[in-house]
Every structure is written in structure tokens, then in C-alpha cells.
């Protein structure tokens, strides 16, 4: 009898564990306005960072989707995103999300992040953009490169600038405050860099890529 009860409890716990759905616990978004120094063209991107509780771990997540009000959506591949896992809690960053067509705008309104696991369980969380992407463009906040006697410096009316250095594959390998000549911080492993300044209302402004 005791053996039967133990087996029944084990089966119940196994089924409960397997059917536990993912849960989106926290979500933050940010708009990036960037300018290419070679063409002076502007692009606007959406970044989404979320904390997901998934008892089975990151390997059990099948799909992460971010939906916009105009039926546009982004499927974020679990194999390609940046994430960190601590126990059941997964923190992931979507990377840059932009319109499907060049120079198109993504609209104001309610956006939705949904997470689906392999068994088909699903959870979602909404966030709201009060303005369309083009309304976030404030050219005076874009960082600028200033040529000085001691070397190239960076400045922005949005505040203090940072330098983000990348290798030739596009992986971020260093991040530092732009408090001196940029040339003094460049090493052989860097291929290009971005200048970043954080504004208000969840907006960041970047200039780049600047190639060596």
C-alpha cells in the first residue's frame, strides 16, 4: 500500500512539474535612436528585457514573441538571444528590434511579450508605447565625435557618454565611460565601437558603428 501511495505521489509530482507554465514576472523596454556616421541616416530600435520563471529551465522555452499594435511581430529565437539563468529565473534581452521595412515606423500603442514552452503552455505581459518610433528622434541628443588636440572625444546633450567596443563578429567585449581620448582605449581586439548616451523616458542615443 505504501509503495502504491509513493508511486502515485511521484507520478503526480512529475505531471505537475512537466505542466508548470512559464511566467513573465517582469518586463522593461527601451528605445534606441542611432545614427550612422558615414550616411548620417537615423534608425530607431526597440529593446525588451524580461524576467521569466520557467521551472524546466531555458531549454524548455520554444518561442518568445513580441507583438506590436499593427499586427507586426518579432519572433525572438531562444538560440540567438542573450540570457542569464539563476535557478528557475531567466533574464533575457531581445537585442535590437526594428520595422520590417527600412525607414518604416513602428506605432504607438500596446505591445505584448508572450513566452511559450515546448508543451504549449503560454504566458504574456503587455507594455505601452506612448509615441511612435519616429517621435523619439531628437537629433540634438545623438552623441558627437569631437576632434581635440589630445585625441577624439565624445559628447552629447543627453548626458555622459559611454563607449561600447565590439569585435569583428559583433560581440560586445568592452564598455567604458568616455572620459578621455577614445584612441587611448582602443586595443587590437576591437573592430568597431558605438558611442552611447542615456536620455529620459527610457530612450538611449547611439552613434555608430565607428570602424577603426
Protein backbone atom coordinates (compact mmCIF):
# COMPACT_ATOMS: atom_id res chain seq x y z
CA UNK A 1 0.00 0.00 0.00
CA UNK A 2 2.83 2.38 0.95
CA UNK A 3 4.58 1.59 -2.33
CA UNK A 4 1.38 2.40 -4.29
CA UNK A 5 0.97 5.72 -2.48
CA UNK A 6 4.62 6.62 -3.11
CA UNK A 7 4.31 5.81 -6.82
CA UNK A 8 1.06 7.81 -7.07
CA UNK A 9 2.68 10.85 -5.41
CA UNK A 10 5.72 10.58 -7.69
CA UNK A 11 3.53 10.47 -10.80
CA UNK A 12 1.52 13.46 -9.55
CA UNK A 13 4.65 15.49 -8.87
CA UNK A 14 6.10 14.57 -12.26
CA UNK A 15 2.94 15.61 -14.10
CA UNK A 16 2.72 18.85 -12.09
CA UNK A 17 6.35 19.66 -12.83
CA UNK A 18 6.02 18.93 -16.55
CA UNK A 19 2.88 21.03 -16.91
CA UNK A 20 4.12 24.07 -14.94
CA UNK A 21 3.80 27.02 -17.34
CA UNK A 22 6.38 29.77 -17.85
CA UNK A 23 5.61 33.03 -16.07
CA UNK A 24 6.66 36.51 -17.23
CA UNK A 25 7.43 38.19 -13.92
CA UNK A 26 8.98 41.49 -15.00
CA UNK A 27 9.39 43.42 -18.24
CA UNK A 28 11.27 46.57 -19.25
CA UNK A 29 11.58 48.22 -22.63
CA UNK A 30 13.86 50.85 -24.10
CA UNK A 31 14.01 52.81 -27.35
CA UNK A 32 17.35 53.24 -29.12
CA UNK A 33 17.84 56.09 -31.59
CA UNK A 34 21.04 55.62 -33.57
CA UNK A 35 22.82 57.46 -36.35
CA UNK A 36 25.36 56.05 -38.77
CA UNK A 37 28.33 58.42 -39.02
CA UNK A 38 29.00 57.52 -42.67
CA UNK A 39 25.49 58.19 -44.05
CA UNK A 40 24.00 60.37 -41.26
CA UNK A 41 20.85 58.20 -41.52
CA UNK A 42 18.78 57.55 -38.39
CA UNK A 43 17.32 54.26 -37.22
CA UNK A 44 15.04 53.55 -34.27
CA UNK A 45 15.04 50.22 -32.43
CA UNK A 46 13.08 48.65 -29.60
CA UNK A 47 14.84 46.67 -26.85
CA UNK A 48 12.93 44.40 -24.46
CA UNK A 49 14.33 42.87 -21.28
CA UNK A 50 12.22 40.39 -19.30
CA UNK A 51 12.42 38.07 -16.35
CA UNK A 52 10.74 34.71 -16.93
CA UNK A 53 10.20 31.99 -14.35
CA UNK A 54 10.47 28.61 -16.04
CA UNK A 55 10.73 25.53 -13.74
CA UNK A 56 12.19 23.39 -16.53
CA UNK A 57 14.89 25.88 -17.44
CA UNK A 58 15.65 27.85 -20.59
CA UNK A 59 15.78 24.71 -22.74
CA UNK A 60 12.02 24.28 -22.28
CA UNK A 61 11.20 27.61 -23.97
CA UNK A 62 10.01 27.11 -27.54
CA UNK A 63 9.08 30.63 -28.60
CA UNK A 64 9.39 34.24 -27.46
CA UNK A 65 7.25 36.67 -29.44
CA UNK A 66 6.83 40.44 -29.23
CA UNK A 67 3.69 41.77 -30.91
CA UNK A 68 3.04 45.36 -31.99
CA UNK A 69 -0.38 47.05 -32.32
CA UNK A 70 -0.28 47.00 -36.15
CA UNK A 71 -0.01 43.16 -36.33
CA UNK A 72 3.73 43.38 -36.81
CA UNK A 73 5.62 40.98 -34.58
CA UNK A 74 9.11 39.71 -33.87
CA UNK A 75 9.86 36.06 -33.12
CA UNK A 76 12.93 36.06 -30.92
CA UNK A 77 14.87 32.83 -31.36
CA UNK A 78 15.87 31.33 -27.99
CA UNK A 79 19.13 30.18 -29.60
CA UNK A 80 20.15 33.72 -30.55
CA UNK A 81 19.19 35.91 -27.58
CA UNK A 82 21.34 36.94 -24.66
CA UNK A 83 20.13 35.48 -21.38
CA UNK A 84 21.15 34.67 -17.82
CA UNK A 85 19.63 31.91 -15.69
CA UNK A 86 19.58 31.70 -11.89
CA UNK A 87 17.58 28.67 -10.76
CA UNK A 88 14.11 28.95 -12.29
CA UNK A 89 14.51 32.67 -13.08
CA UNK A 90 15.65 33.61 -16.59
CA UNK A 91 16.60 37.15 -17.58
CA UNK A 92 16.75 37.72 -21.33
CA UNK A 93 17.39 40.64 -23.67
CA UNK A 94 15.83 40.75 -27.12
CA UNK A 95 18.56 42.69 -28.88
CA UNK A 96 17.59 45.30 -31.47
CA UNK A 97 14.06 45.05 -32.85
CA UNK A 98 13.13 47.27 -35.78
CA UNK A 99 10.49 47.63 -38.51
CA UNK A 100 10.39 45.04 -41.27
CA UNK A 101 10.91 47.69 -43.94
CA UNK A 102 13.70 50.25 -43.98
CA UNK A 103 12.60 53.74 -42.89
CA UNK A 104 9.24 52.36 -41.65
CA UNK A 105 7.88 53.40 -38.26
CA UNK A 106 6.57 51.15 -35.54
CA UNK A 107 3.49 52.66 -33.90
CA UNK A 108 2.37 53.89 -30.51
CA UNK A 109 0.06 51.59 -28.57
CA UNK A 110 0.01 48.39 -26.57
CA UNK A 111 2.73 45.80 -27.20
CA UNK A 112 2.72 42.23 -25.91
CA UNK A 113 5.51 39.86 -24.95
CA UNK A 114 4.49 36.19 -24.96
CA UNK A 115 6.51 33.13 -23.93
CA UNK A 116 5.55 29.58 -24.96
CA UNK A 117 7.21 26.43 -23.69
CA UNK A 118 7.63 23.12 -25.52
CA UNK A 119 4.41 21.54 -24.09
CA UNK A 120 2.46 24.60 -25.33
CA UNK A 121 1.97 26.48 -22.05
CA UNK A 122 1.96 30.23 -22.57
CA UNK A 123 2.19 33.45 -20.57
CA UNK A 124 2.26 37.07 -21.67
CA UNK A 125 2.76 40.60 -20.43
CA UNK A 126 1.86 43.93 -22.04
CA UNK A 127 3.65 47.26 -22.22
CA UNK A 128 2.66 50.60 -23.73
CA UNK A 129 4.49 52.99 -26.07
CA UNK A 130 3.01 56.47 -25.85
CA UNK A 131 4.65 57.57 -29.11
CA UNK A 132 5.55 56.04 -32.44
CA UNK A 133 9.22 55.36 -33.08
CA UNK A 134 9.89 58.47 -35.21
CA UNK A 135 8.63 60.72 -32.39
CA UNK A 136 11.55 59.58 -30.24
CA UNK A 137 14.14 61.03 -32.63
CA UNK A 138 15.78 64.06 -31.03
CA UNK A 139 18.84 64.78 -33.12
CA UNK A 140 20.42 67.09 -30.56
CA UNK A 141 20.87 64.14 -28.18
CA UNK A 142 22.78 61.95 -30.66
CA UNK A 143 26.40 61.65 -29.44
CA UNK A 144 29.03 63.51 -31.43
CA UNK A 145 32.70 62.86 -32.04
CA UNK A 146 34.83 65.93 -31.30
CA UNK A 147 38.37 66.26 -32.57
CA UNK A 148 40.65 67.74 -29.90
CA UNK A 149 44.40 68.19 -29.57
CA UNK A 150 44.75 65.20 -27.25
CA UNK A 151 42.54 62.96 -29.44
CA UNK A 152 38.94 62.17 -30.40
CA UNK A 153 36.38 62.76 -27.65
CA UNK A 154 32.61 62.17 -27.44
CA UNK A 155 29.82 64.36 -26.11
CA UNK A 156 26.02 64.51 -26.04
CA UNK A 157 23.44 66.94 -24.72
CA UNK A 158 21.64 63.92 -23.22
CA UNK A 159 24.41 63.49 -20.64
CA UNK A 160 27.55 61.44 -20.07
CA UNK A 161 28.66 59.21 -22.93
CA UNK A 162 29.87 55.62 -22.88
CA UNK A 163 31.88 53.67 -25.43
CA UNK A 164 30.81 50.16 -26.41
CA UNK A 165 33.57 48.18 -28.16
CA UNK A 166 32.79 45.18 -30.39
CA UNK A 167 34.84 42.52 -32.12
CA UNK A 168 34.52 41.72 -35.84
CA UNK A 169 31.68 39.26 -35.13
CA UNK A 170 29.63 41.98 -33.45
CA UNK A 171 30.05 40.69 -29.90
CA UNK A 172 30.31 43.31 -27.15
CA UNK A 173 33.66 42.86 -25.44
CA UNK A 174 34.17 46.10 -23.52
CA UNK A 175 32.15 49.02 -22.17
CA UNK A 176 33.64 52.12 -20.59
CA UNK A 177 32.92 55.76 -19.79
CA UNK A 178 34.06 58.19 -22.46
CA UNK A 179 36.07 60.37 -20.08
CA UNK A 180 39.17 60.72 -22.22
CA UNK A 181 40.54 60.30 -25.74
CA UNK A 182 38.87 57.33 -27.44
CA UNK A 183 42.15 56.29 -29.06
CA UNK A 184 43.63 55.58 -25.61
CA UNK A 185 41.04 52.84 -25.03
CA UNK A 186 41.26 51.02 -28.37
CA UNK A 187 43.11 47.69 -28.47
CA UNK A 188 43.79 45.20 -31.26
CA UNK A 189 40.79 43.01 -30.37
CA UNK A 190 38.30 45.81 -31.12
CA UNK A 191 36.85 46.13 -34.61
CA UNK A 192 34.31 48.94 -34.18
CA UNK A 193 32.57 50.88 -31.44
CA UNK A 194 29.39 52.76 -30.62
CA UNK A 195 29.03 55.93 -28.56
CA UNK A 196 26.02 55.77 -26.22
CA UNK A 197 24.19 58.40 -24.14
CA UNK A 198 21.15 57.72 -21.98
CA UNK A 199 18.29 60.20 -22.19
CA UNK A 200 14.99 60.39 -20.34
CA UNK A 201 11.78 58.39 -20.88
CA UNK A 202 13.58 55.06 -21.50
CA UNK A 203 15.46 56.33 -24.55
CA UNK A 204 19.14 55.83 -25.41
CA UNK A 205 21.01 57.62 -28.20
CA UNK A 206 23.87 56.00 -30.10
CA UNK A 207 26.33 56.92 -32.82
CA UNK A 208 27.87 54.10 -34.78
CA UNK A 209 29.21 51.82 -35.89
CA UNK A 210 32.50 53.68 -35.96
CA UNK A 211 35.10 51.44 -37.62
CA UNK A 212 38.79 51.56 -36.80
